[in-house]
Amino acid sequence: MQFREDAEDAKRSGMMHRASMSTMTTRRVNASRVVARAPARTSLKVSAIALGDKLPGAQSLKYFDAEGQMKEITIEALCKGKKVVLVAVPGAFTPTCSLKHVPGFIEQADEIKAKGVDTIACVSVNDAFVMDAWGKSLGSGEKVMMLADGNAQFSKAIGVELDLTDKGLGKRSRRYAMLVDDLVVKVLNLEEGGAFTISSAETILEALA
């Protein structure tokens, strides 16, 4: 009798072991199926803004006002019902931006505004403190607003993000100068990367003539 009971116990134990192994195998198969069905993540790249496009009004930029207070302004507030020249650079305090590009707009700001432009604004993927210090070093005053696109959200939204991670500069903006009329792009001088060939103050003046 004892032998039979031992045999039956062994049989039941074997059946339970096989059932347990079968359950584990099923779980592994199901897990692998779940992994196989998981969708791959993709990064969607926004096409660069073009002539006739409307700027994303909800995007915002930061700056310091004349009283030294940090402010935030939406693109709609900046451009709605106005003529605005937006000048973008890869980085504050960088050689070409500091010696040629932005100084040209500061020097010719009065002439540009005499052509009907309400505001000239410089945009860069830097924080507002850096942009304020840079503006003061250039003497931008009330001639050119210095706007910070700190997280490159505006630059990404209009498809002009520039990857300079290989140079230790992270994500920046391509260089450009555009004339915007009531949020609509009327003139767009968009450079390849950080080149400086078609986005000068002179080219904007020619377009306004």
N, C-alpha and C. Protein backbone atom coordinates (compact mmCIF):
# COMPACT_ATOMS: atom_id res chain seq x y z
N MET A 1 0.83 -1.21 0.00
CA MET A 1 0.00 0.00 0.00
C MET A 1 0.87 1.26 0.00
N GLN A 2 1.87 1.22 0.83
CA GLN A 2 2.76 2.38 0.91
C GLN A 2 3.43 2.63 -0.43
N PHE A 3 3.80 1.54 -1.12
CA PHE A 3 4.47 1.65 -2.42
C PHE A 3 3.55 2.33 -3.43
N ARG A 4 2.24 1.90 -3.41
CA ARG A 4 1.29 2.50 -4.34
C ARG A 4 1.10 3.99 -4.06
N GLU A 5 0.99 4.33 -2.78
CA GLU A 5 0.83 5.74 -2.43
C GLU A 5 2.03 6.57 -2.87
N ASP A 6 3.23 6.01 -2.67
CA ASP A 6 4.45 6.72 -3.10
C ASP A 6 4.46 6.90 -4.60
N ALA A 7 4.02 5.87 -5.32
CA ALA A 7 4.00 5.93 -6.79
C ALA A 7 3.02 6.98 -7.27
N GLU A 8 1.83 7.01 -6.63
CA GLU A 8 0.83 7.99 -7.03
C GLU A 8 1.31 9.41 -6.72
N ASP A 9 1.98 9.57 -5.56
CA ASP A 9 2.51 10.91 -5.22
C ASP A 9 3.54 11.35 -6.25
N ALA A 10 4.39 10.42 -6.63
CA ALA A 10 5.42 10.73 -7.62
C ALA A 10 4.79 11.11 -8.95
N LYS A 11 3.70 10.37 -9.31
CA LYS A 11 3.02 10.65 -10.57
C LYS A 11 2.40 12.03 -10.56
N ARG A 12 1.72 12.34 -9.41
CA ARG A 12 1.10 13.67 -9.30
C ARG A 12 2.16 14.77 -9.34
N SER A 13 3.30 14.54 -8.67
CA SER A 13 4.38 15.53 -8.67
C SER A 13 4.91 15.78 -10.06
N GLY A 14 5.04 14.69 -10.83
CA GLY A 14 5.53 14.83 -12.20
C GLY A 14 4.57 15.59 -13.06
N MET A 15 3.26 15.30 -12.87
CA MET A 15 2.26 16.02 -13.65
C MET A 15 2.27 17.51 -13.31
N MET A 16 2.40 17.83 -12.01
CA MET A 16 2.45 19.23 -11.60
C MET A 16 3.68 19.92 -12.15
N HIS A 17 4.81 19.26 -12.18
CA HIS A 17 6.04 19.83 -12.72
C HIS A 17 5.89 20.14 -14.19
N ARG A 18 5.29 19.15 -14.94
CA ARG A 18 5.09 19.36 -16.38
C ARG A 18 4.13 20.51 -16.64
N ALA A 19 3.09 20.60 -15.80
CA ALA A 19 2.12 21.70 -15.96
C ALA A 19 2.79 23.04 -15.70
N SER A 20 3.64 23.06 -14.65
CA SER A 20 4.35 24.31 -14.33
C SER A 20 5.28 24.72 -15.44
N MET A 21 6.03 23.75 -16.00
CA MET A 21 6.95 24.04 -17.11
C MET A 21 6.17 24.53 -18.32
N SER A 22 5.00 23.90 -18.57
CA SER A 22 4.18 24.31 -19.72
C SER A 22 3.70 25.74 -19.56
N THR A 23 3.29 26.11 -18.33
CA THR A 23 2.83 27.48 -18.06
C THR A 23 3.95 28.49 -18.26
N MET A 24 5.15 28.15 -17.78
CA MET A 24 6.29 29.05 -17.93
C MET A 24 6.63 29.23 -19.40
N THR A 25 6.58 28.12 -20.16
CA THR A 25 6.89 28.21 -21.60
C THR A 25 5.87 29.11 -22.30
N THR A 26 4.58 28.92 -21.94
CA THR A 26 3.52 29.74 -22.55
C THR A 26 3.72 31.21 -22.25
N ARG A 27 4.11 31.50 -21.00
CA ARG A 27 4.35 32.90 -20.63
C ARG A 27 5.49 33.49 -21.43
N ARG A 28 6.58 32.67 -21.59
CA ARG A 28 7.73 33.17 -22.37
C ARG A 28 7.32 33.46 -23.81
N VAL A 29 6.53 32.55 -24.41
CA VAL A 29 6.09 32.72 -25.79
C VAL A 29 5.22 33.96 -25.91
N ASN A 30 4.29 34.12 -24.95
CA ASN A 30 3.41 35.29 -24.98
C ASN A 30 4.21 36.58 -24.83
N ALA A 31 5.21 36.54 -23.93
CA ALA A 31 6.04 37.74 -23.73
C ALA A 31 6.79 38.09 -25.00
N SER A 32 7.31 37.05 -25.68
CA SER A 32 8.04 37.32 -26.91
C SER A 32 7.12 37.87 -27.98
N ARG A 33 5.86 37.38 -27.98
CA ARG A 33 4.89 37.90 -28.94
C ARG A 33 4.58 39.37 -28.67
N VAL A 34 4.48 39.71 -27.37
CA VAL A 34 4.21 41.11 -27.01
C VAL A 34 5.34 42.01 -27.47
N VAL A 35 6.59 41.56 -27.25
CA VAL A 35 7.74 42.33 -27.68
C VAL A 35 7.75 42.48 -29.19
N ALA A 36 7.39 41.40 -29.88
CA ALA A 36 7.40 41.43 -31.34
C ALA A 36 6.36 42.40 -31.88
N ARG A 37 5.24 42.56 -31.14
CA ARG A 37 4.18 43.44 -31.63
C ARG A 37 4.41 44.89 -31.25
N ALA A 38 5.36 45.16 -30.34
CA ALA A 38 5.59 46.54 -29.88
C ALA A 38 6.04 47.41 -31.04
N PRO A 39 5.37 48.53 -31.29
CA PRO A 39 5.73 49.41 -32.41
C PRO A 39 7.05 50.12 -32.17
N ALA A 40 7.81 50.27 -33.22
CA ALA A 40 9.10 50.98 -33.11
C ALA A 40 8.84 52.47 -33.04
N ARG A 41 9.63 53.15 -32.20
CA ARG A 41 9.50 54.59 -32.08
C ARG A 41 10.16 55.27 -33.27
N THR A 42 9.48 56.26 -33.81
CA THR A 42 10.05 57.02 -34.93
C THR A 42 10.07 58.49 -34.58
N SER A 43 11.05 59.21 -35.10
CA SER A 43 11.17 60.64 -34.86
C SER A 43 10.75 61.37 -36.12
N LEU A 44 9.67 62.14 -36.03
CA LEU A 44 9.14 62.86 -37.18
C LEU A 44 9.84 64.20 -37.32
N LYS A 45 10.37 64.45 -38.48
CA LYS A 45 11.06 65.71 -38.73
C LYS A 45 10.14 66.66 -39.46
N VAL A 46 10.02 67.86 -38.92
CA VAL A 46 9.15 68.87 -39.52
C VAL A 46 9.87 69.50 -40.71
N SER A 47 9.14 69.67 -41.80
CA SER A 47 9.72 70.32 -42.99
C SER A 47 10.01 71.78 -42.67
N ALA A 48 11.08 72.29 -43.26
CA ALA A 48 11.45 73.69 -43.02
C ALA A 48 10.36 74.62 -43.53
N ILE A 49 10.15 75.69 -42.81
CA ILE A 49 9.15 76.68 -43.19
C ILE A 49 9.48 77.25 -44.56
N ALA A 50 8.45 77.67 -45.28
CA ALA A 50 8.64 78.15 -46.65
C ALA A 50 7.85 79.43 -46.87
N LEU A 51 8.10 80.08 -47.99
CA LEU A 51 7.38 81.30 -48.35
C LEU A 51 5.88 81.03 -48.35
N GLY A 52 5.13 81.95 -47.77
CA GLY A 52 3.69 81.80 -47.74
C GLY A 52 3.16 81.04 -46.54
N ASP A 53 4.05 80.38 -45.81
CA ASP A 53 3.62 79.66 -44.61
C ASP A 53 3.29 80.63 -43.49
N LYS A 54 2.47 80.16 -42.57
CA LYS A 54 2.11 80.97 -41.40
C LYS A 54 2.89 80.48 -40.20
N LEU A 55 3.45 81.40 -39.45
CA LEU A 55 4.21 81.03 -38.26
C LEU A 55 3.28 80.46 -37.19
N PRO A 56 3.80 79.53 -36.37
CA PRO A 56 2.99 78.96 -35.29
C PRO A 56 2.80 79.97 -34.16
N GLY A 57 1.65 80.60 -34.13
CA GLY A 57 1.41 81.70 -33.21
C GLY A 57 1.48 81.35 -31.74
N ALA A 58 1.23 80.07 -31.41
CA ALA A 58 1.21 79.68 -30.00
C ALA A 58 2.60 79.51 -29.40
N GLN A 59 3.61 79.39 -30.24
CA GLN A 59 4.98 79.26 -29.73
C GLN A 59 5.39 80.55 -29.02
N SER A 60 6.23 80.42 -28.01
CA SER A 60 6.63 81.61 -27.25
C SER A 60 8.14 81.68 -27.08
N LEU A 61 8.63 82.89 -26.88
CA LEU A 61 10.04 83.17 -26.68
C LEU A 61 10.18 84.08 -25.46
N LYS A 62 11.37 84.09 -24.88
CA LYS A 62 11.59 84.90 -23.67
C LYS A 62 12.62 86.00 -23.93
N TYR A 63 12.50 87.07 -23.14
CA TYR A 63 13.42 88.20 -23.27
C TYR A 63 13.37 89.04 -22.00
N PHE A 64 14.33 89.95 -21.87
CA PHE A 64 14.33 90.90 -20.76
C PHE A 64 13.91 92.26 -21.29
N ASP A 65 12.97 92.91 -20.60
CA ASP A 65 12.53 94.23 -21.04
C ASP A 65 13.49 95.31 -20.55
N ALA A 66 13.18 96.55 -20.85
CA ALA A 66 14.06 97.68 -20.51
C ALA A 66 14.23 97.84 -19.01
N GLU A 67 13.27 97.33 -18.23
CA GLU A 67 13.35 97.42 -16.76
C GLU A 67 14.07 96.22 -16.14
N GLY A 68 14.58 95.35 -16.98
CA GLY A 68 15.30 94.19 -16.47
C GLY A 68 14.41 93.05 -16.00
N GLN A 69 13.15 93.04 -16.44
CA GLN A 69 12.22 91.98 -16.06
C GLN A 69 12.12 90.95 -17.19
N MET A 70 12.20 89.67 -16.82
CA MET A 70 12.05 88.64 -17.83
C MET A 70 10.59 88.55 -18.27
N LYS A 71 10.40 88.54 -19.56
CA LYS A 71 9.06 88.46 -20.13
C LYS A 71 8.97 87.30 -21.11
N GLU A 72 7.74 86.93 -21.40
CA GLU A 72 7.49 85.89 -22.40
C GLU A 72 6.52 86.45 -23.43
N ILE A 73 6.81 86.21 -24.69
CA ILE A 73 5.94 86.73 -25.74
C ILE A 73 5.65 85.61 -26.74
N THR A 74 4.40 85.50 -27.14
CA THR A 74 4.05 84.50 -28.15
C THR A 74 4.37 85.06 -29.53
N ILE A 75 4.52 84.16 -30.47
CA ILE A 75 4.78 84.58 -31.85
C ILE A 75 3.59 85.37 -32.38
N GLU A 76 2.40 85.01 -31.95
CA GLU A 76 1.21 85.75 -32.39
C GLU A 76 1.25 87.19 -31.88
N ALA A 77 1.60 87.36 -30.60
CA ALA A 77 1.67 88.71 -30.04
C ALA A 77 2.77 89.53 -30.72
N LEU A 78 3.83 88.86 -31.10
CA LEU A 78 4.97 89.54 -31.73
C LEU A 78 4.65 89.97 -33.16
N CYS A 79 3.90 89.12 -33.88
CA CYS A 79 3.75 89.32 -35.32
C CYS A 79 2.34 89.64 -35.82
N LYS A 80 1.33 89.43 -35.00
CA LYS A 80 -0.05 89.64 -35.47
C LYS A 80 -0.28 91.10 -35.85
N GLY A 81 -0.69 91.31 -37.11
CA GLY A 81 -0.98 92.65 -37.58
C GLY A 81 0.24 93.54 -37.73
N LYS A 82 1.43 92.94 -37.77
CA LYS A 82 2.67 93.73 -37.87
C LYS A 82 3.60 93.16 -38.93
N LYS A 83 4.55 94.01 -39.32
CA LYS A 83 5.65 93.57 -40.17
C LYS A 83 6.86 93.37 -39.27
N VAL A 84 7.40 92.17 -39.29
CA VAL A 84 8.50 91.84 -38.38
C VAL A 84 9.63 91.17 -39.16
N VAL A 85 10.85 91.56 -38.86
CA VAL A 85 12.02 90.86 -39.39
C VAL A 85 12.56 89.96 -38.29
N LEU A 86 12.57 88.67 -38.54
CA LEU A 86 13.14 87.70 -37.61
C LEU A 86 14.51 87.29 -38.12
N VAL A 87 15.49 87.42 -37.25
CA VAL A 87 16.87 87.07 -37.59
C VAL A 87 17.30 85.96 -36.62
N ALA A 88 17.66 84.81 -37.15
CA ALA A 88 18.07 83.71 -36.28
C ALA A 88 19.54 83.40 -36.48
N VAL A 89 20.19 83.04 -35.38
CA VAL A 89 21.62 82.70 -35.41
C VAL A 89 21.85 81.39 -34.66
N PRO A 90 22.93 80.68 -35.00
CA PRO A 90 23.22 79.42 -34.30
C PRO A 90 23.57 79.59 -32.83
N GLY A 91 24.12 80.75 -32.46
CA GLY A 91 24.47 80.91 -31.05
C GLY A 91 24.94 82.31 -30.69
N ALA A 92 24.56 82.73 -29.50
CA ALA A 92 25.02 84.04 -28.99
C ALA A 92 26.53 84.01 -28.75
N PHE A 93 27.17 85.15 -28.93
CA PHE A 93 28.60 85.33 -28.69
C PHE A 93 29.50 84.52 -29.63
N THR A 94 28.94 83.93 -30.67
CA THR A 94 29.77 83.21 -31.63
C THR A 94 30.29 84.21 -32.67
N PRO A 95 31.45 83.94 -33.27
CA PRO A 95 32.13 84.94 -34.10
C PRO A 95 31.31 85.59 -35.21
N THR A 96 30.78 84.79 -36.14
CA THR A 96 30.04 85.36 -37.27
C THR A 96 28.80 86.10 -36.80
N CYS A 97 28.11 85.54 -35.82
CA CYS A 97 26.89 86.16 -35.31
C CYS A 97 27.18 87.49 -34.63
N SER A 98 28.28 87.55 -33.89
CA SER A 98 28.62 88.74 -33.11
C SER A 98 29.33 89.82 -33.91
N LEU A 99 30.08 89.40 -34.93
CA LEU A 99 30.89 90.37 -35.69
C LEU A 99 30.22 90.85 -36.97
N LYS A 100 29.32 90.03 -37.53
CA LYS A 100 28.75 90.38 -38.83
C LYS A 100 27.22 90.41 -38.85
N HIS A 101 26.63 89.26 -38.52
CA HIS A 101 25.20 89.11 -38.77
C HIS A 101 24.33 90.09 -37.99
N VAL A 102 24.32 89.96 -36.67
CA VAL A 102 23.45 90.82 -35.85
C VAL A 102 23.87 92.29 -35.89
N PRO A 103 25.18 92.60 -35.83
CA PRO A 103 25.57 94.02 -35.92
C PRO A 103 25.03 94.71 -37.18
N GLY A 104 24.94 93.97 -38.27
CA GLY A 104 24.40 94.56 -39.50
C GLY A 104 22.97 95.03 -39.32
N PHE A 105 22.16 94.27 -38.61
CA PHE A 105 20.77 94.66 -38.38
C PHE A 105 20.66 95.79 -37.36
N ILE A 106 21.58 95.82 -36.42
CA ILE A 106 21.59 96.93 -35.46
C ILE A 106 21.94 98.23 -36.16
N GLU A 107 22.97 98.17 -37.00
CA GLU A 107 23.43 99.36 -37.71
C GLU A 107 22.39 99.89 -38.69
N GLN A 108 21.63 98.99 -39.30
CA GLN A 108 20.67 99.41 -40.33
C GLN A 108 19.22 99.32 -39.86
N ALA A 109 19.05 99.24 -38.55
CA ALA A 109 17.71 99.11 -38.00
C ALA A 109 16.80 100.27 -38.39
N ASP A 110 17.31 101.49 -38.29
CA ASP A 110 16.49 102.66 -38.61
C ASP A 110 16.04 102.64 -40.07
N GLU A 111 16.96 102.26 -40.94
CA GLU A 111 16.64 102.21 -42.37
C GLU A 111 15.61 101.12 -42.66
N ILE A 112 15.76 99.98 -42.00
CA ILE A 112 14.81 98.87 -42.19
C ILE A 112 13.43 99.27 -41.69
N LYS A 113 13.38 99.89 -40.52
CA LYS A 113 12.09 100.28 -39.95
C LYS A 113 11.44 101.41 -40.75
N ALA A 114 12.26 102.20 -41.41
CA ALA A 114 11.72 103.26 -42.27
C ALA A 114 10.97 102.69 -43.47
N LYS A 115 11.22 101.41 -43.77
CA LYS A 115 10.55 100.73 -44.88
C LYS A 115 9.23 100.10 -44.44
N GLY A 116 8.83 100.38 -43.20
CA GLY A 116 7.54 99.86 -42.73
C GLY A 116 7.61 98.69 -41.78
N VAL A 117 8.80 98.31 -41.37
CA VAL A 117 8.96 97.19 -40.44
C VAL A 117 8.74 97.69 -39.02
N ASP A 118 7.90 96.99 -38.27
CA ASP A 118 7.59 97.40 -36.90
C ASP A 118 8.64 96.93 -35.90
N THR A 119 9.14 95.70 -36.09
CA THR A 119 10.05 95.11 -35.12
C THR A 119 11.12 94.28 -35.81
N ILE A 120 12.35 94.39 -35.30
CA ILE A 120 13.43 93.49 -35.71
C ILE A 120 13.77 92.67 -34.47
N ALA A 121 13.77 91.36 -34.61
CA ALA A 121 14.02 90.50 -33.45
C ALA A 121 15.04 89.43 -33.81
N CYS A 122 15.99 89.21 -32.92
CA CYS A 122 17.01 88.18 -33.10
C CYS A 122 16.63 86.97 -32.23
N VAL A 123 16.61 85.80 -32.84
CA VAL A 123 16.24 84.57 -32.15
C VAL A 123 17.44 83.63 -32.10
N SER A 124 17.68 83.06 -30.92
CA SER A 124 18.77 82.08 -30.80
C SER A 124 18.40 81.05 -29.74
N VAL A 125 18.92 79.83 -29.92
CA VAL A 125 18.68 78.78 -28.93
C VAL A 125 19.68 78.96 -27.79
N ASN A 126 19.39 79.95 -26.99
CA ASN A 126 20.13 80.26 -25.76
C ASN A 126 19.11 80.68 -24.72
N ASP A 127 19.52 80.78 -23.45
CA ASP A 127 18.57 81.24 -22.45
C ASP A 127 18.47 82.76 -22.47
N ALA A 128 17.44 83.28 -21.82
CA ALA A 128 17.17 84.72 -21.85
C ALA A 128 18.29 85.55 -21.22
N PHE A 129 18.97 84.98 -20.22
CA PHE A 129 20.07 85.70 -19.56
C PHE A 129 21.23 85.91 -20.54
N VAL A 130 21.54 84.86 -21.28
CA VAL A 130 22.61 84.96 -22.28
C VAL A 130 22.24 85.95 -23.37
N MET A 131 21.01 85.87 -23.85
CA MET A 131 20.58 86.78 -24.91
C MET A 131 20.59 88.23 -24.44
N ASP A 132 20.22 88.45 -23.19
CA ASP A 132 20.23 89.82 -22.66
C ASP A 132 21.66 90.34 -22.57
N ALA A 133 22.55 89.52 -22.06
CA ALA A 133 23.96 89.94 -21.94
C ALA A 133 24.57 90.18 -23.32
N TRP A 134 24.22 89.32 -24.27
CA TRP A 134 24.76 89.47 -25.62
C TRP A 134 24.24 90.76 -26.27
N GLY A 135 22.95 91.01 -26.08
CA GLY A 135 22.37 92.23 -26.64
C GLY A 135 23.04 93.48 -26.09
N LYS A 136 23.32 93.47 -24.79
CA LYS A 136 23.99 94.62 -24.18
C LYS A 136 25.40 94.79 -24.73
N SER A 137 26.10 93.67 -24.95
CA SER A 137 27.47 93.75 -25.47
C SER A 137 27.49 94.28 -26.91
N LEU A 138 26.39 94.04 -27.64
CA LEU A 138 26.31 94.49 -29.03
C LEU A 138 25.70 95.88 -29.14
N GLY A 139 25.09 96.34 -28.06
CA GLY A 139 24.41 97.64 -28.10
C GLY A 139 23.11 97.59 -28.89
N SER A 140 22.38 96.48 -28.75
CA SER A 140 21.14 96.31 -29.53
C SER A 140 20.05 97.28 -29.08
N GLY A 141 20.04 97.64 -27.78
CA GLY A 141 19.07 98.61 -27.27
C GLY A 141 17.66 98.30 -27.70
N GLU A 142 16.96 99.33 -28.20
CA GLU A 142 15.59 99.15 -28.69
C GLU A 142 15.55 98.87 -30.18
N LYS A 143 16.72 98.75 -30.78
CA LYS A 143 16.75 98.52 -32.22
C LYS A 143 16.42 97.08 -32.59
N VAL A 144 16.96 96.14 -31.81
CA VAL A 144 16.74 94.71 -32.09
C VAL A 144 16.37 94.00 -30.79
N MET A 145 15.22 93.35 -30.78
CA MET A 145 14.82 92.53 -29.62
C MET A 145 15.67 91.27 -29.59
N MET A 146 16.12 90.88 -28.42
CA MET A 146 16.92 89.66 -28.28
C MET A 146 16.06 88.58 -27.63
N LEU A 147 15.62 87.62 -28.44
CA LEU A 147 14.65 86.62 -28.01
C LEU A 147 15.29 85.25 -27.83
N ALA A 148 14.99 84.64 -26.71
CA ALA A 148 15.56 83.32 -26.38
C ALA A 148 14.59 82.19 -26.70
N ASP A 149 15.08 81.27 -27.51
CA ASP A 149 14.34 80.04 -27.82
C ASP A 149 15.03 78.92 -27.04
N GLY A 150 14.96 79.02 -25.72
CA GLY A 150 15.78 78.19 -24.83
C GLY A 150 15.81 76.71 -25.11
N ASN A 151 14.67 76.11 -25.38
CA ASN A 151 14.60 74.67 -25.64
C ASN A 151 14.46 74.33 -27.11
N ALA A 152 14.68 75.31 -27.96
CA ALA A 152 14.60 75.14 -29.43
C ALA A 152 13.20 74.74 -29.88
N GLN A 153 12.18 75.03 -29.10
CA GLN A 153 10.83 74.62 -29.48
C GLN A 153 10.33 75.37 -30.70
N PHE A 154 10.60 76.66 -30.76
CA PHE A 154 10.18 77.43 -31.94
C PHE A 154 10.95 76.97 -33.17
N SER A 155 12.25 76.79 -33.01
CA SER A 155 13.09 76.35 -34.14
C SER A 155 12.63 74.99 -34.66
N LYS A 156 12.29 74.08 -33.76
CA LYS A 156 11.79 72.76 -34.16
C LYS A 156 10.44 72.90 -34.87
N ALA A 157 9.59 73.78 -34.34
CA ALA A 157 8.24 73.94 -34.88
C ALA A 157 8.25 74.43 -36.32
N ILE A 158 9.27 75.21 -36.69
CA ILE A 158 9.33 75.71 -38.08
C ILE A 158 10.38 74.95 -38.91
N GLY A 159 10.90 73.86 -38.35
CA GLY A 159 11.77 72.97 -39.13
C GLY A 159 13.15 73.49 -39.44
N VAL A 160 13.71 74.33 -38.56
CA VAL A 160 15.04 74.88 -38.83
C VAL A 160 16.06 74.47 -37.77
N GLU A 161 15.76 73.42 -37.03
CA GLU A 161 16.68 72.94 -35.99
C GLU A 161 18.00 72.50 -36.63
N LEU A 162 19.09 72.83 -35.97
CA LEU A 162 20.43 72.52 -36.46
C LEU A 162 21.17 71.69 -35.41
N ASP A 163 21.59 70.50 -35.79
CA ASP A 163 22.27 69.60 -34.85
C ASP A 163 23.77 69.88 -34.86
N LEU A 164 24.25 70.47 -33.76
CA LEU A 164 25.67 70.76 -33.63
C LEU A 164 26.28 70.00 -32.45
N THR A 165 25.70 68.82 -32.16
CA THR A 165 26.20 68.03 -31.03
C THR A 165 27.63 67.57 -31.25
N ASP A 166 28.02 67.39 -32.51
CA ASP A 166 29.40 66.97 -32.78
C ASP A 166 30.41 68.05 -32.41
N LYS A 167 29.93 69.29 -32.29
CA LYS A 167 30.79 70.41 -31.90
C LYS A 167 30.59 70.79 -30.42
N GLY A 168 29.80 69.97 -29.72
CA GLY A 168 29.55 70.24 -28.31
C GLY A 168 28.55 71.35 -28.06
N LEU A 169 27.77 71.72 -29.08
CA LEU A 169 26.83 72.83 -28.96
C LEU A 169 25.38 72.39 -28.88
N GLY A 170 25.12 71.09 -28.97
CA GLY A 170 23.75 70.60 -28.88
C GLY A 170 22.90 70.98 -30.08
N LYS A 171 21.60 71.13 -29.83
CA LYS A 171 20.65 71.49 -30.90
C LYS A 171 20.51 73.01 -30.95
N ARG A 172 20.66 73.55 -32.13
CA ARG A 172 20.59 75.00 -32.34
C ARG A 172 19.61 75.32 -33.47
N SER A 173 19.75 76.51 -34.04
CA SER A 173 18.90 76.92 -35.15
C SER A 173 19.77 77.24 -36.36
N ARG A 174 19.25 76.94 -37.54
CA ARG A 174 19.93 77.39 -38.76
C ARG A 174 19.86 78.92 -38.80
N ARG A 175 20.81 79.50 -39.49
CA ARG A 175 20.83 80.95 -39.63
C ARG A 175 19.80 81.36 -40.70
N TYR A 176 19.08 82.43 -40.42
CA TYR A 176 18.13 82.94 -41.42
C TYR A 176 17.75 84.37 -41.12
N ALA A 177 17.14 84.99 -42.11
CA ALA A 177 16.49 86.29 -41.93
C ALA A 177 15.19 86.19 -42.70
N MET A 178 14.09 86.48 -42.03
CA MET A 178 12.80 86.40 -42.72
C MET A 178 11.96 87.65 -42.43
N LEU A 179 11.19 88.01 -43.42
CA LEU A 179 10.24 89.11 -43.26
C LEU A 179 8.86 88.49 -43.10
N VAL A 180 8.21 88.84 -42.01
CA VAL A 180 6.90 88.29 -41.69
C VAL A 180 5.88 89.42 -41.68
N ASP A 181 4.78 89.20 -42.37
CA ASP A 181 3.70 90.19 -42.41
C ASP A 181 2.43 89.54 -41.87
N ASP A 182 1.98 89.96 -40.70
CA ASP A 182 0.78 89.41 -40.08
C ASP A 182 0.89 87.88 -39.97
N LEU A 183 2.03 87.41 -39.47
CA LEU A 183 2.33 85.99 -39.22
C LEU A 183 2.68 85.18 -40.47
N VAL A 184 2.54 85.78 -41.65
CA VAL A 184 2.83 85.06 -42.90
C VAL A 184 4.23 85.40 -43.40
N VAL A 185 4.99 84.37 -43.78
CA VAL A 185 6.36 84.57 -44.26
C VAL A 185 6.34 85.14 -45.68
N LYS A 186 6.87 86.33 -45.84
CA LYS A 186 6.90 87.01 -47.14
C LYS A 186 8.27 86.93 -47.80
N VAL A 187 9.32 86.95 -46.99
CA VAL A 187 10.69 86.81 -47.49
C VAL A 187 11.40 85.82 -46.58
N LEU A 188 12.11 84.87 -47.17
CA LEU A 188 12.82 83.87 -46.37
C LEU A 188 14.21 83.64 -46.94
N ASN A 189 15.22 84.07 -46.20
CA ASN A 189 16.61 83.84 -46.58
C ASN A 189 17.19 82.84 -45.56
N LEU A 190 17.02 81.57 -45.88
CA LEU A 190 17.41 80.49 -44.96
C LEU A 190 18.74 79.89 -45.40
N GLU A 191 19.71 79.97 -44.51
CA GLU A 191 21.05 79.48 -44.83
C GLU A 191 21.16 77.96 -44.61
N GLU A 192 22.16 77.38 -45.24
CA GLU A 192 22.50 75.99 -44.96
C GLU A 192 23.36 75.98 -43.70
N GLY A 193 22.82 75.38 -42.65
CA GLY A 193 23.57 75.33 -41.40
C GLY A 193 23.84 76.72 -40.86
N GLY A 194 25.10 76.98 -40.53
CA GLY A 194 25.46 78.27 -39.97
C GLY A 194 26.12 79.20 -40.97
N ALA A 195 26.03 78.88 -42.25
CA ALA A 195 26.64 79.72 -43.29
C ALA A 195 26.05 81.13 -43.25
N PHE A 196 26.80 82.08 -43.75
CA PHE A 196 26.33 83.47 -43.78
C PHE A 196 26.54 84.03 -45.17
N THR A 197 25.55 83.82 -46.04
CA THR A 197 25.68 84.25 -47.43
C THR A 197 24.48 85.05 -47.93
N ILE A 198 23.28 84.74 -47.42
CA ILE A 198 22.07 85.36 -47.98
C ILE A 198 21.16 85.98 -46.91
N SER A 199 21.59 86.00 -45.65
CA SER A 199 20.69 86.44 -44.59
C SER A 199 21.11 87.76 -43.94
N SER A 200 21.83 88.58 -44.65
CA SER A 200 22.32 89.84 -44.09
C SER A 200 21.22 90.91 -44.07
N ALA A 201 21.50 91.99 -43.36
CA ALA A 201 20.57 93.12 -43.31
C ALA A 201 20.39 93.72 -44.70
N GLU A 202 21.45 93.70 -45.49
CA GLU A 202 21.40 94.25 -46.85
C GLU A 202 20.38 93.51 -47.72
N THR A 203 20.33 92.17 -47.59
CA THR A 203 19.39 91.40 -48.42
C THR A 203 17.93 91.70 -48.01
N ILE A 204 17.71 91.95 -46.73
CA ILE A 204 16.35 92.30 -46.29
C ILE A 204 15.99 93.69 -46.80
N LEU A 205 16.93 94.61 -46.78
CA LEU A 205 16.68 95.96 -47.31
C LEU A 205 16.35 95.90 -48.80
N GLU A 206 17.06 95.05 -49.53
CA GLU A 206 16.79 94.90 -50.96
C GLU A 206 15.39 94.38 -51.19
N ALA A 207 14.96 93.43 -50.34
CA ALA A 207 13.63 92.85 -50.47
C ALA A 207 12.53 93.87 -50.15
N LEU A 208 12.86 94.82 -49.30
CA LEU A 208 11.90 95.84 -48.89
C LEU A 208 11.82 97.01 -49.86
N ALA A 209 12.79 97.09 -50.74
CA ALA A 209 12.87 98.23 -51.67
C ALA A 209 11.68 98.28 -52.63
